[in-house]
């Protein structure tokens, strides 16, 4: 016979899973070498915010775990992710189509995007 899990227990497990995932991705995001780590971090933030929207009112959560705080973190990582996507698009799709001298002219833009990535 299987033990039944209450909705609250299931919500707690889902929230704990996303928090654990965020914690494991955090070092990779802070190093900043892998754009995929930042993407997965943002996905976990969205999932966590969604879980808090659905189950938060019924749960007794610590005050530090709230939607507005998660939204603030998502906004901060959003500009960083935008810079990653733009840089990848330039490097993978647009720059290979340009002449050598045109590519050299784009180098400052790529440096700026990389610097913007590091600042956020």
PDB file of N, CA and C in Angstrom:
ATOM      1  N   UNK A   1       0.844  -1.172   0.000  1.00  0.00           N
ATOM      2  CA  UNK A   1       0.000   0.000   0.000  1.00  0.00           C
ATOM      3  C   UNK A   1       0.898   1.246   0.000  1.00  0.00           C
ATOM      4  N   UNK A   2       0.588   2.215  -0.823  1.00  0.00           N
ATOM      5  CA  UNK A   2       1.391   3.431  -0.902  1.00  0.00           C
ATOM      6  C   UNK A   2       0.846   4.480   0.055  1.00  0.00           C
ATOM      7  N   UNK A   3       1.762   5.207   0.637  1.00  0.00           N
ATOM      8  CA  UNK A   3       1.349   6.280   1.546  1.00  0.00           C
ATOM      9  C   UNK A   3       0.920   7.484   0.714  1.00  0.00           C
ATOM     10  N   UNK A   4      -0.183   8.071   1.109  1.00  0.00           N
ATOM     11  CA  UNK A   4      -0.643   9.241   0.368  1.00  0.00           C
ATOM     12  C   UNK A   4       0.116  10.471   0.842  1.00  0.00           C
ATOM     13  N   UNK A   5       0.364  11.364  -0.082  1.00  0.00           N
ATOM     14  CA  UNK A   5       1.089  12.590   0.211  1.00  0.00           C
ATOM     15  C   UNK A   5       0.099  13.743   0.134  1.00  0.00           C
ATOM     16  N   UNK A   6       0.100  14.564   1.159  1.00  0.00           N
ATOM     17  CA  UNK A   6      -0.823  15.698   1.158  1.00  0.00           C
ATOM     18  C   UNK A   6      -0.335  16.752   0.159  1.00  0.00           C
ATOM     19  N   UNK A   7      -1.223  17.630  -0.201  1.00  0.00           N
ATOM     20  CA  UNK A   7      -0.880  18.701  -1.134  1.00  0.00           C
ATOM     21  C   UNK A   7       0.216  19.589  -0.558  1.00  0.00           C
ATOM     22  N   UNK A   8       0.132  19.863   0.735  1.00  0.00           N
ATOM     23  CA  UNK A   8       1.148  20.682   1.387  1.00  0.00           C
ATOM     24  C   UNK A   8       2.518  20.032   1.347  1.00  0.00           C
ATOM     25  N   UNK A   9       2.562  18.730   1.581  1.00  0.00           N
ATOM     26  CA  UNK A   9       3.833  18.003   1.525  1.00  0.00           C
ATOM     27  C   UNK A   9       4.399  17.997   0.110  1.00  0.00           C
ATOM     28  N   UNK A  10       3.519  17.824  -0.860  1.00  0.00           N
ATOM     29  CA  UNK A  10       3.965  17.836  -2.248  1.00  0.00           C
ATOM     30  C   UNK A  10       4.494  19.218  -2.625  1.00  0.00           C
ATOM     31  N   UNK A  11       3.801  20.266  -2.209  1.00  0.00           N
ATOM     32  CA  UNK A  11       4.256  21.633  -2.493  1.00  0.00           C
ATOM     33  C   UNK A  11       5.607  21.872  -1.841  1.00  0.00           C
ATOM     34  N   UNK A  12       5.747  21.412  -0.614  1.00  0.00           N
ATOM     35  CA  UNK A  12       7.009  21.589   0.100  1.00  0.00           C
ATOM     36  C   UNK A  12       8.149  20.869  -0.631  1.00  0.00           C
ATOM     37  N   UNK A  13       7.885  19.693  -1.131  1.00  0.00           N
ATOM     38  CA  UNK A  13       8.903  18.942  -1.870  1.00  0.00           C
ATOM     39  C   UNK A  13       9.292  19.665  -3.156  1.00  0.00           C
ATOM     40  N   UNK A  14       8.297  20.187  -3.873  1.00  0.00           N
ATOM     41  CA  UNK A  14       8.574  20.892  -5.124  1.00  0.00           C
ATOM     42  C   UNK A  14       9.382  22.168  -4.874  1.00  0.00           C
ATOM     43  N   UNK A  15       9.007  22.901  -3.853  1.00  0.00           N
ATOM     44  CA  UNK A  15       9.728  24.134  -3.507  1.00  0.00           C
ATOM     45  C   UNK A  15      11.153  23.800  -3.074  1.00  0.00           C
ATOM     46  N   UNK A  16      11.297  22.773  -2.259  1.00  0.00           N
ATOM     47  CA  UNK A  16      12.630  22.360  -1.804  1.00  0.00           C
ATOM     48  C   UNK A  16      13.496  21.934  -2.984  1.00  0.00           C
ATOM     49  N   UNK A  17      12.904  21.254  -3.947  1.00  0.00           N
ATOM     50  CA  UNK A  17      13.656  20.823  -5.132  1.00  0.00           C
ATOM     51  C   UNK A  17      14.176  22.040  -5.908  1.00  0.00           C
ATOM     52  N   UNK A  18      13.326  23.031  -6.123  1.00  0.00           N
ATOM     53  CA  UNK A  18      13.755  24.217  -6.876  1.00  0.00           C
ATOM     54  C   UNK A  18      14.814  25.002  -6.098  1.00  0.00           C
ATOM     55  N   UNK A  19      14.664  25.109  -4.789  1.00  0.00           N
ATOM     56  CA  UNK A  19      15.665  25.798  -3.979  1.00  0.00           C
ATOM     57  C   UNK A  19      17.004  25.064  -4.031  1.00  0.00           C
ATOM     58  N   UNK A  20      16.950  23.748  -3.988  1.00  0.00           N
ATOM     59  CA  UNK A  20      18.164  22.947  -4.082  1.00  0.00           C
ATOM     60  C   UNK A  20      18.832  23.135  -5.445  1.00  0.00           C
ATOM     61  N   UNK A  21      18.015  23.176  -6.468  1.00  0.00           N
ATOM     62  CA  UNK A  21      18.539  23.363  -7.826  1.00  0.00           C
ATOM     63  C   UNK A  21      19.197  24.736  -7.965  1.00  0.00           C
ATOM     64  N   UNK A  22      18.549  25.766  -7.420  1.00  0.00           N
ATOM     65  CA  UNK A  22      19.121  27.112  -7.454  1.00  0.00           C
ATOM     66  C   UNK A  22      20.457  27.142  -6.719  1.00  0.00           C
ATOM     67  N   UNK A  23      20.498  26.480  -5.574  1.00  0.00           N
ATOM     68  CA  UNK A  23      21.729  26.455  -4.787  1.00  0.00           C
ATOM     69  C   UNK A  23      22.852  25.754  -5.551  1.00  0.00           C
ATOM     70  N   UNK A  24      22.537  24.680  -6.251  1.00  0.00           N
ATOM     71  CA  UNK A  24      23.571  23.951  -6.993  1.00  0.00           C
ATOM     72  C   UNK A  24      24.033  24.713  -8.238  1.00  0.00           C
ATOM     73  N   UNK A  25      23.151  25.501  -8.837  1.00  0.00           N
ATOM     74  CA  UNK A  25      23.521  26.259 -10.038  1.00  0.00           C
ATOM     75  C   UNK A  25      24.251  27.567  -9.705  1.00  0.00           C
ATOM     76  N   UNK A  26      24.062  28.063  -8.502  1.00  0.00           N
ATOM     77  CA  UNK A  26      24.611  29.369  -8.113  1.00  0.00           C
ATOM     78  C   UNK A  26      26.119  29.505  -8.364  1.00  0.00           C
ATOM     79  N   UNK A  27      26.962  28.535  -7.962  1.00  0.00           N
ATOM     80  CA  UNK A  27      28.402  28.702  -8.215  1.00  0.00           C
ATOM     81  C   UNK A  27      28.745  28.838  -9.699  1.00  0.00           C
ATOM     82  N   UNK A  28      28.078  28.060 -10.544  1.00  0.00           N
ATOM     83  CA  UNK A  28      28.327  28.139 -11.982  1.00  0.00           C
ATOM     84  C   UNK A  28      27.902  29.496 -12.546  1.00  0.00           C
ATOM     85  N   UNK A  29      26.784  30.011 -12.043  1.00  0.00           N
ATOM     86  CA  UNK A  29      26.291  31.311 -12.507  1.00  0.00           C
ATOM     87  C   UNK A  29      27.255  32.409 -12.088  1.00  0.00           C
ATOM     88  N   UNK A  30      27.760  32.331 -10.871  1.00  0.00           N
ATOM     89  CA  UNK A  30      28.670  33.363 -10.386  1.00  0.00           C
ATOM     90  C   UNK A  30      30.006  33.361 -11.131  1.00  0.00           C
ATOM     91  N   UNK A  31      30.469  32.185 -11.553  1.00  0.00           N
ATOM     92  CA  UNK A  31      31.694  32.112 -12.350  1.00  0.00           C
ATOM     93  C   UNK A  31      31.452  32.771 -13.702  1.00  0.00           C
ATOM     94  N   UNK A  32      30.288  32.535 -14.282  1.00  0.00           N
ATOM     95  CA  UNK A  32      29.892  33.223 -15.504  1.00  0.00           C
ATOM     96  C   UNK A  32      30.433  32.666 -16.794  1.00  0.00           C
ATOM     97  N   UNK A  33      30.996  31.462 -16.787  1.00  0.00           N
ATOM     98  CA  UNK A  33      31.555  30.896 -18.015  1.00  0.00           C
ATOM     99  C   UNK A  33      30.504  30.231 -18.900  1.00  0.00           C
ATOM    100  N   UNK A  34      29.460  29.705 -18.284  1.00  0.00           N
ATOM    101  CA  UNK A  34      28.483  28.902 -19.016  1.00  0.00           C
ATOM    102  C   UNK A  34      27.130  29.606 -19.082  1.00  0.00           C
ATOM    103  N   UNK A  35      26.726  30.084 -20.272  1.00  0.00           N
ATOM    104  CA  UNK A  35      25.423  30.732 -20.396  1.00  0.00           C
ATOM    105  C   UNK A  35      24.256  29.788 -20.080  1.00  0.00           C
ATOM    106  N   UNK A  36      24.468  28.493 -20.276  1.00  0.00           N
ATOM    107  CA  UNK A  36      23.389  27.532 -20.000  1.00  0.00           C
ATOM    108  C   UNK A  36      23.076  27.456 -18.513  1.00  0.00           C
ATOM    109  N   UNK A  37      24.085  27.609 -17.675  1.00  0.00           N
ATOM    110  CA  UNK A  37      23.855  27.589 -16.227  1.00  0.00           C
ATOM    111  C   UNK A  37      22.956  28.755 -15.819  1.00  0.00           C
ATOM    112  N   UNK A  38      23.204  29.922 -16.393  1.00  0.00           N
ATOM    113  CA  UNK A  38      22.359  31.085 -16.103  1.00  0.00           C
ATOM    114  C   UNK A  38      20.940  30.851 -16.592  1.00  0.00           C
ATOM    115  N   UNK A  39      20.817  30.263 -17.770  1.00  0.00           N
ATOM    116  CA  UNK A  39      19.485  29.965 -18.309  1.00  0.00           C
ATOM    117  C   UNK A  39      18.732  29.018 -17.374  1.00  0.00           C
ATOM    118  N   UNK A  40      19.374  27.946 -16.937  1.00  0.00           N
ATOM    119  CA  UNK A  40      18.724  26.987 -16.040  1.00  0.00           C
ATOM    120  C   UNK A  40      18.400  27.621 -14.687  1.00  0.00           C
ATOM    121  N   UNK A  41      19.249  28.528 -14.223  1.00  0.00           N
ATOM    122  CA  UNK A  41      18.998  29.259 -12.988  1.00  0.00           C
ATOM    123  C   UNK A  41      17.712  30.063 -13.124  1.00  0.00           C
ATOM    124  N   UNK A  42      17.559  30.756 -14.244  1.00  0.00           N
ATOM    125  CA  UNK A  42      16.360  31.560 -14.473  1.00  0.00           C
ATOM    126  C   UNK A  42      15.112  30.693 -14.613  1.00  0.00           C
ATOM    127  N   UNK A  43      15.250  29.527 -15.232  1.00  0.00           N
ATOM    128  CA  UNK A  43      14.118  28.594 -15.336  1.00  0.00           C
ATOM    129  C   UNK A  43      13.673  28.168 -13.941  1.00  0.00           C
ATOM    130  N   UNK A  44      14.628  27.849 -13.082  1.00  0.00           N
ATOM    131  CA  UNK A  44      14.289  27.452 -11.708  1.00  0.00           C
ATOM    132  C   UNK A  44      13.639  28.592 -10.942  1.00  0.00           C
ATOM    133  N   UNK A  45      14.103  29.820 -11.177  1.00  0.00           N
ATOM    134  CA  UNK A  45      13.473  30.973 -10.535  1.00  0.00           C
ATOM    135  C   UNK A  45      12.009  31.109 -10.954  1.00  0.00           C
ATOM    136  N   UNK A  46      11.741  30.941 -12.250  1.00  0.00           N
ATOM    137  CA  UNK A  46      10.357  31.031 -12.732  1.00  0.00           C
ATOM    138  C   UNK A  46       9.493  29.932 -12.129  1.00  0.00           C
ATOM    139  N   UNK A  47      10.037  28.731 -12.061  1.00  0.00           N
ATOM    140  CA  UNK A  47       9.277  27.619 -11.481  1.00  0.00           C
ATOM    141  C   UNK A  47       8.995  27.860  -9.999  1.00  0.00           C
ATOM    142  N   UNK A  48       9.984  28.359  -9.300  1.00  0.00           N
ATOM    143  CA  UNK A  48       9.805  28.649  -7.880  1.00  0.00           C
ATOM    144  C   UNK A  48       8.758  29.740  -7.675  1.00  0.00           C
ATOM    145  N   UNK A  49       8.829  30.777  -8.477  1.00  0.00           N
ATOM    146  CA  UNK A  49       7.846  31.861  -8.363  1.00  0.00           C
ATOM    147  C   UNK A  49       6.442  31.348  -8.660  1.00  0.00           C
ATOM    148  N   UNK A  50       6.321  30.467  -9.629  1.00  0.00           N
ATOM    149  CA  UNK A  50       5.030  29.868  -9.952  1.00  0.00           C
ATOM    150  C   UNK A  50       4.514  29.014  -8.789  1.00  0.00           C
ATOM    151  N   UNK A  51       5.394  28.221  -8.205  1.00  0.00           N
ATOM    152  CA  UNK A  51       4.991  27.399  -7.052  1.00  0.00           C
ATOM    153  C   UNK A  51       4.536  28.267  -5.888  1.00  0.00           C
ATOM    154  N   UNK A  52       5.233  29.372  -5.659  1.00  0.00           N
ATOM    155  CA  UNK A  52       4.840  30.260  -4.567  1.00  0.00           C
ATOM    156  C   UNK A  52       3.502  30.932  -4.855  1.00  0.00           C
ATOM    157  N   UNK A  53       3.232  31.203  -6.113  1.00  0.00           N
ATOM    158  CA  UNK A  53       1.931  31.772  -6.475  1.00  0.00           C
ATOM    159  C   UNK A  53       0.810  30.781  -6.192  1.00  0.00           C
ATOM    160  N   UNK A  54       1.058  29.530  -6.529  1.00  0.00           N
ATOM    161  CA  UNK A  54       0.031  28.517  -6.366  1.00  0.00           C
ATOM    162  C   UNK A  54      -0.156  28.099  -4.912  1.00  0.00           C
ATOM    163  N   UNK A  55       0.946  27.836  -4.224  1.00  0.00           N
ATOM    164  CA  UNK A  55       0.863  27.223  -2.904  1.00  0.00           C
ATOM    165  C   UNK A  55       1.233  28.154  -1.755  1.00  0.00           C
ATOM    166  N   UNK A  56       1.876  29.270  -2.028  1.00  0.00           N
ATOM    167  CA  UNK A  56       2.372  30.164  -0.991  1.00  0.00           C
ATOM    168  C   UNK A  56       1.359  30.560   0.060  1.00  0.00           C
ATOM    169  N   UNK A  57       0.163  30.964  -0.344  1.00  0.00           N
ATOM    170  CA  UNK A  57      -0.822  31.382   0.672  1.00  0.00           C
ATOM    171  C   UNK A  57      -1.191  30.273   1.658  1.00  0.00           C
ATOM    172  N   UNK A  58      -1.044  29.030   1.252  1.00  0.00           N
ATOM    173  CA  UNK A  58      -1.424  27.923   2.125  1.00  0.00           C
ATOM    174  C   UNK A  58      -0.255  27.401   2.956  1.00  0.00           C
ATOM    175  N   UNK A  59       0.942  27.911   2.702  1.00  0.00           N
ATOM    176  CA  UNK A  59       2.127  27.409   3.395  1.00  0.00           C
ATOM    177  C   UNK A  59       2.683  28.452   4.349  1.00  0.00           C
ATOM    178  N   UNK A  60       3.352  27.981   5.367  1.00  0.00           N
ATOM    179  CA  UNK A  60       4.033  28.866   6.305  1.00  0.00           C
ATOM    180  C   UNK A  60       5.492  28.954   5.859  1.00  0.00           C
ATOM    181  N   UNK A  61       5.802  29.971   5.062  1.00  0.00           N
ATOM    182  CA  UNK A  61       7.136  30.118   4.481  1.00  0.00           C
ATOM    183  C   UNK A  61       7.932  31.175   5.228  1.00  0.00           C
ATOM    184  N   UNK A  62       9.264  31.036   5.222  1.00  0.00           N
ATOM    185  CA  UNK A  62      10.084  32.080   5.834  1.00  0.00           C
ATOM    186  C   UNK A  62       9.901  33.404   5.093  1.00  0.00           C
ATOM    187  N   UNK A  63       9.986  34.529   5.789  1.00  0.00           N
ATOM    188  CA  UNK A  63       9.763  35.828   5.148  1.00  0.00           C
ATOM    189  C   UNK A  63      10.736  36.119   3.996  1.00  0.00           C
ATOM    190  N   UNK A  64      11.934  35.541   4.059  1.00  0.00           N
ATOM    191  CA  UNK A  64      12.918  35.780   2.995  1.00  0.00           C
ATOM    192  C   UNK A  64      12.514  35.124   1.674  1.00  0.00           C
ATOM    193  N   UNK A  65      11.641  34.142   1.733  1.00  0.00           N
ATOM    194  CA  UNK A  65      11.204  33.439   0.532  1.00  0.00           C
ATOM    195  C   UNK A  65       9.881  34.038   0.072  1.00  0.00           C
ATOM    196  N   UNK A  66       9.980  35.063  -0.779  1.00  0.00           N
ATOM    197  CA  UNK A  66       8.763  35.700  -1.279  1.00  0.00           C
ATOM    198  C   UNK A  66       8.910  36.025  -2.764  1.00  0.00           C
ATOM    199  N   UNK A  67       7.804  36.212  -3.405  1.00  0.00           N
ATOM    200  CA  UNK A  67       7.781  36.416  -4.858  1.00  0.00           C
ATOM    201  C   UNK A  67       8.513  37.676  -5.282  1.00  0.00           C
ATOM    202  N   UNK A  68       8.380  38.754  -4.514  1.00  0.00           N
ATOM    203  CA  UNK A  68       9.021  40.006  -4.926  1.00  0.00           C
ATOM    204  C   UNK A  68      10.543  39.884  -4.891  1.00  0.00           C
ATOM    205  N   UNK A  69      11.052  39.176  -3.929  1.00  0.00           N
ATOM    206  CA  UNK A  69      12.500  38.973  -3.856  1.00  0.00           C
ATOM    207  C   UNK A  69      12.993  38.110  -5.026  1.00  0.00           C
ATOM    208  N   UNK A  70      12.233  37.098  -5.364  1.00  0.00           N
ATOM    209  CA  UNK A  70      12.584  36.231  -6.485  1.00  0.00           C
ATOM    210  C   UNK A  70      12.492  37.020  -7.795  1.00  0.00           C
ATOM    211  N   UNK A  71      11.472  37.863  -7.919  1.00  0.00           N
ATOM    212  CA  UNK A  71      11.315  38.683  -9.129  1.00  0.00           C
ATOM    213  C   UNK A  71      12.487  39.640  -9.290  1.00  0.00           C
ATOM    214  N   UNK A  72      12.970  40.192  -8.203  1.00  0.00           N
ATOM    215  CA  UNK A  72      14.117  41.102  -8.251  1.00  0.00           C
ATOM    216  C   UNK A  72      15.355  40.365  -8.758  1.00  0.00           C
ATOM    217  N   UNK A  73      15.569  39.163  -8.270  1.00  0.00           N
ATOM    218  CA  UNK A  73      16.697  38.355  -8.724  1.00  0.00           C
ATOM    219  C   UNK A  73      16.536  37.977 -10.198  1.00  0.00           C
ATOM    220  N   UNK A  74      15.320  37.671 -10.600  1.00  0.00           N
ATOM    221  CA  UNK A  74      15.060  37.324 -12.005  1.00  0.00           C
ATOM    222  C   UNK A  74      15.342  38.507 -12.917  1.00  0.00           C
ATOM    223  N   UNK A  75      14.976  39.715 -12.501  1.00  0.00           N
ATOM    224  CA  UNK A  75      15.268  40.908 -13.310  1.00  0.00           C
ATOM    225  C   UNK A  75      16.771  41.130 -13.427  1.00  0.00           C
ATOM    226  N   UNK A  76      17.478  40.940 -12.326  1.00  0.00           N
ATOM    227  CA  UNK A  76      18.931  41.145 -12.340  1.00  0.00           C
ATOM    228  C   UNK A  76      19.623  40.150 -13.271  1.00  0.00           C
ATOM    229  N   UNK A  77      19.171  38.920 -13.266  1.00  0.00           N
ATOM    230  CA  UNK A  77      19.789  37.917 -14.130  1.00  0.00           C
ATOM    231  C   UNK A  77      19.270  38.020 -15.562  1.00  0.00           C
ATOM    232  N   UNK A  78      18.143  38.700 -15.748  1.00  0.00           N
ATOM    233  CA  UNK A  78      17.566  38.835 -17.086  1.00  0.00           C
ATOM    234  C   UNK A  78      18.441  39.628 -18.034  1.00  0.00           C
ATOM    235  N   UNK A  79      18.997  40.740 -17.576  1.00  0.00           N
ATOM    236  CA  UNK A  79      19.847  41.542 -18.458  1.00  0.00           C
ATOM    237  C   UNK A  79      21.127  40.785 -18.795  1.00  0.00           C
ATOM    238  N   UNK A  80      21.593  40.005 -17.859  1.00  0.00           N
ATOM    239  CA  UNK A  80      22.777  39.190 -18.100  1.00  0.00           C
ATOM    240  C   UNK A  80      22.478  38.129 -19.168  1.00  0.00           C
ATOM    241  N   UNK A  81      21.341  37.507 -19.043  1.00  0.00           N
ATOM    242  CA  UNK A  81      20.930  36.495 -20.029  1.00  0.00           C
ATOM    243  C   UNK A  81      20.728  37.134 -21.402  1.00  0.00           C
ATOM    244  N   UNK A  82      20.142  38.333 -21.444  1.00  0.00           N
ATOM    245  CA  UNK A  82      19.965  39.040 -22.712  1.00  0.00           C
ATOM    246  C   UNK A  82      21.302  39.282 -23.388  1.00  0.00           C
ATOM    247  N   UNK A  83      22.312  39.684 -22.606  1.00  0.00           N
ATOM    248  CA  UNK A  83      23.648  39.918 -23.164  1.00  0.00           C
ATOM    249  C   UNK A  83      24.235  38.615 -23.701  1.00  0.00           C
ATOM    250  N   UNK A  84      24.028  37.508 -22.987  1.00  0.00           N
ATOM    251  CA  UNK A  84      24.513  36.205 -23.461  1.00  0.00           C
ATOM    252  C   UNK A  84      23.880  35.819 -24.789  1.00  0.00           C
ATOM    253  N   UNK A  85      22.576  35.979 -24.879  1.00  0.00           N
ATOM    254  CA  UNK A  85      21.847  35.596 -26.099  1.00  0.00           C
ATOM    255  C   UNK A  85      22.273  36.469 -27.269  1.00  0.00           C
ATOM    256  N   UNK A  86      22.390  37.758 -27.044  1.00  0.00           N
ATOM    257  CA  UNK A  86      22.803  38.671 -28.107  1.00  0.00           C
ATOM    258  C   UNK A  86      24.211  38.356 -28.576  1.00  0.00           C
ATOM    259  N   UNK A  87      25.124  38.144 -27.627  1.00  0.00           N
ATOM    260  CA  UNK A  87      26.507  37.821 -28.003  1.00  0.00           C
ATOM    261  C   UNK A  87      26.575  36.520 -28.792  1.00  0.00           C
ATOM    262  N   UNK A  88      25.836  35.509 -28.351  1.00  0.00           N
ATOM    263  CA  UNK A  88      25.827  34.232 -29.062  1.00  0.00           C
ATOM    264  C   UNK A  88      25.271  34.400 -30.473  1.00  0.00           C
ATOM    265  N   UNK A  89      24.201  35.173 -30.590  1.00  0.00           N
ATOM    266  CA  UNK A  89      23.604  35.410 -31.909  1.00  0.00           C
ATOM    267  C   UNK A  89      24.608  36.107 -32.832  1.00  0.00           C
ATOM    268  N   UNK A  90      25.287  37.092 -32.316  1.00  0.00           N
ATOM    269  CA  UNK A  90      26.288  37.794 -33.121  1.00  0.00           C
ATOM    270  C   UNK A  90      27.419  36.864 -33.534  1.00  0.00           C
ATOM    271  N   UNK A  91      27.962  36.125 -32.579  1.00  0.00           N
ATOM    272  CA  UNK A  91      29.114  35.264 -32.856  1.00  0.00           C
ATOM    273  C   UNK A  91      28.768  34.081 -33.757  1.00  0.00           C
ATOM    274  N   UNK A  92      27.610  33.491 -33.553  1.00  0.00           N
ATOM    275  CA  UNK A  92      27.252  32.271 -34.274  1.00  0.00           C
ATOM    276  C   UNK A  92      26.618  32.523 -35.647  1.00  0.00           C
ATOM    277  N   UNK A  93      25.812  33.579 -35.734  1.00  0.00           N
ATOM    278  CA  UNK A  93      25.024  33.753 -36.958  1.00  0.00           C
ATOM    279  C   UNK A  93      25.424  34.945 -37.807  1.00  0.00           C
ATOM    280  N   UNK A  94      25.687  36.060 -37.165  1.00  0.00           N
ATOM    281  CA  UNK A  94      25.915  37.274 -37.944  1.00  0.00           C
ATOM    282  C   UNK A  94      27.369  37.493 -38.336  1.00  0.00           C
ATOM    283  N   UNK A  95      28.292  37.356 -37.397  1.00  0.00           N
ATOM    284  CA  UNK A  95      29.700  37.619 -37.697  1.00  0.00           C
ATOM    285  C   UNK A  95      30.281  36.714 -38.782  1.00  0.00           C
ATOM    286  N   UNK A  96      29.950  35.438 -38.836  1.00  0.00           N
ATOM    287  CA  UNK A  96      30.515  34.603 -39.904  1.00  0.00           C
ATOM    288  C   UNK A  96      30.139  35.078 -41.315  1.00  0.00           C
ATOM    289  N   UNK A  97      29.084  35.840 -41.438  1.00  0.00           N
ATOM    290  CA  UNK A  97      28.649  36.326 -42.747  1.00  0.00           C
ATOM    291  C   UNK A  97      29.369  37.609 -43.172  1.00  0.00           C
ATOM    292  N   UNK A  98      30.098  38.222 -42.258  1.00  0.00           N
ATOM    293  CA  UNK A  98      30.744  39.499 -42.537  1.00  0.00           C
ATOM    294  C   UNK A  98      32.154  39.311 -43.080  1.00  0.00           C
ATOM    295  N   UNK A  99      32.619  40.350 -43.747  1.00  0.00           N
ATOM    296  CA  UNK A  99      34.002  40.389 -44.205  1.00  0.00           C
ATOM    297  C   UNK A  99      34.916  40.551 -42.992  1.00  0.00           C
ATOM    298  N   UNK A 100      36.192  40.252 -43.176  1.00  0.00           N
ATOM    299  CA  UNK A 100      37.150  40.319 -42.065  1.00  0.00           C
ATOM    300  C   UNK A 100      37.211  41.704 -41.434  1.00  0.00           C
ATOM    301  N   UNK A 101      37.278  42.757 -42.264  1.00  0.00           N
ATOM    302  CA  UNK A 101      37.363  44.114 -41.707  1.00  0.00           C
ATOM    303  C   UNK A 101      36.073  44.500 -40.971  1.00  0.00           C
ATOM    304  N   UNK A 102      34.929  43.994 -41.421  1.00  0.00           N
ATOM    305  CA  UNK A 102      33.669  44.266 -40.735  1.00  0.00           C
ATOM    306  C   UNK A 102      33.616  43.534 -39.390  1.00  0.00           C
ATOM    307  N   UNK A 103      34.188  42.318 -39.360  1.00  0.00           N
ATOM    308  CA  UNK A 103      34.253  41.570 -38.103  1.00  0.00           C
ATOM    309  C   UNK A 103      35.097  42.302 -37.078  1.00  0.00           C
ATOM    310  N   UNK A 104      36.211  42.853 -37.548  1.00  0.00           N
ATOM    311  CA  UNK A 104      37.091  43.602 -36.642  1.00  0.00           C
ATOM    312  C   UNK A 104      36.378  44.832 -36.095  1.00  0.00           C
ATOM    313  N   UNK A 105      35.539  45.444 -36.917  1.00  0.00           N
ATOM    314  CA  UNK A 105      34.795  46.622 -36.466  1.00  0.00           C
ATOM    315  C   UNK A 105      33.769  46.260 -35.388  1.00  0.00           C
ATOM    316  N   UNK A 106      33.340  45.020 -35.368  1.00  0.00           N
ATOM    317  CA  UNK A 106      32.352  44.566 -34.371  1.00  0.00           C
ATOM    318  C   UNK A 106      32.988  44.129 -33.056  1.00  0.00           C
ATOM    319  N   UNK A 107      34.292  44.015 -33.027  1.00  0.00           N
ATOM    320  CA  UNK A 107      34.992  43.553 -31.819  1.00  0.00           C
ATOM    321  C   UNK A 107      34.651  44.390 -30.585  1.00  0.00           C
ATOM    322  N   UNK A 108      34.582  45.739 -30.681  1.00  0.00           N
ATOM    323  CA  UNK A 108      34.228  46.511 -29.482  1.00  0.00           C
ATOM    324  C   UNK A 108      32.832  46.184 -28.939  1.00  0.00           C
ATOM    325  N   UNK A 109      31.911  45.886 -29.829  1.00  0.00           N
ATOM    326  CA  UNK A 109      30.552  45.532 -29.397  1.00  0.00           C
ATOM    327  C   UNK A 109      30.582  44.226 -28.601  1.00  0.00           C
ATOM    328  N   UNK A 110      31.340  43.256 -29.106  1.00  0.00           N
ATOM    329  CA  UNK A 110      31.443  41.977 -28.398  1.00  0.00           C
ATOM    330  C   UNK A 110      32.122  42.151 -27.046  1.00  0.00           C
ATOM    331  N   UNK A 111      33.159  42.980 -26.988  1.00  0.00           N
ATOM    332  CA  UNK A 111      33.818  43.247 -25.706  1.00  0.00           C
ATOM    333  C   UNK A 111      32.855  43.917 -24.728  1.00  0.00           C
ATOM    334  N   UNK A 112      32.066  44.834 -25.236  1.00  0.00           N
ATOM    335  CA  UNK A 112      31.099  45.522 -24.375  1.00  0.00           C
ATOM    336  C   UNK A 112      30.054  44.541 -23.848  1.00  0.00           C
ATOM    337  N   UNK A 113      29.575  43.654 -24.710  1.00  0.00           N
ATOM    338  CA  UNK A 113      28.600  42.652 -24.265  1.00  0.00           C
ATOM    339  C   UNK A 113      29.199  41.726 -23.216  1.00  0.00           C
ATOM    340  N   UNK A 114      30.443  41.329 -23.425  1.00  0.00           N
ATOM    341  CA  UNK A 114      31.094  40.460 -22.452  1.00  0.00           C
ATOM    342  C   UNK A 114      31.291  41.209 -21.133  1.00  0.00           C
ATOM    343  N   UNK A 115      31.658  42.471 -21.206  1.00  0.00           N
ATOM    344  CA  UNK A 115      31.814  43.265 -20.001  1.00  0.00           C
ATOM    345  C   UNK A 115      30.490  43.483 -19.289  1.00  0.00           C
ATOM    346  N   UNK A 116      29.444  43.691 -20.061  1.00  0.00           N
ATOM    347  CA  UNK A 116      28.109  43.863 -19.468  1.00  0.00           C
ATOM    348  C   UNK A 116      27.702  42.587 -18.761  1.00  0.00           C
ATOM    349  N   UNK A 117      28.032  41.442 -19.316  1.00  0.00           N
ATOM    350  CA  UNK A 117      27.725  40.149 -18.719  1.00  0.00           C
ATOM    351  C   UNK A 117      28.409  40.029 -17.361  1.00  0.00           C
ATOM    352  N   UNK A 118      29.645  40.505 -17.295  1.00  0.00           N
ATOM    353  CA  UNK A 118      30.411  40.388 -16.049  1.00  0.00           C
ATOM    354  C   UNK A 118      29.920  41.338 -14.978  1.00  0.00           C
ATOM    355  N   UNK A 119      29.341  42.471 -15.365  1.00  0.00           N
ATOM    356  CA  UNK A 119      28.908  43.464 -14.390  1.00  0.00           C
ATOM    357  C   UNK A 119      27.612  43.091 -13.696  1.00  0.00           C
ATOM    358  N   UNK A 120      26.756  42.288 -14.345  1.00  0.00           N
ATOM    359  CA  UNK A 120      25.463  41.985 -13.756  1.00  0.00           C
ATOM    360  C   UNK A 120      25.503  40.790 -12.861  1.00  0.00           C
TER     361      UNK A 120
END
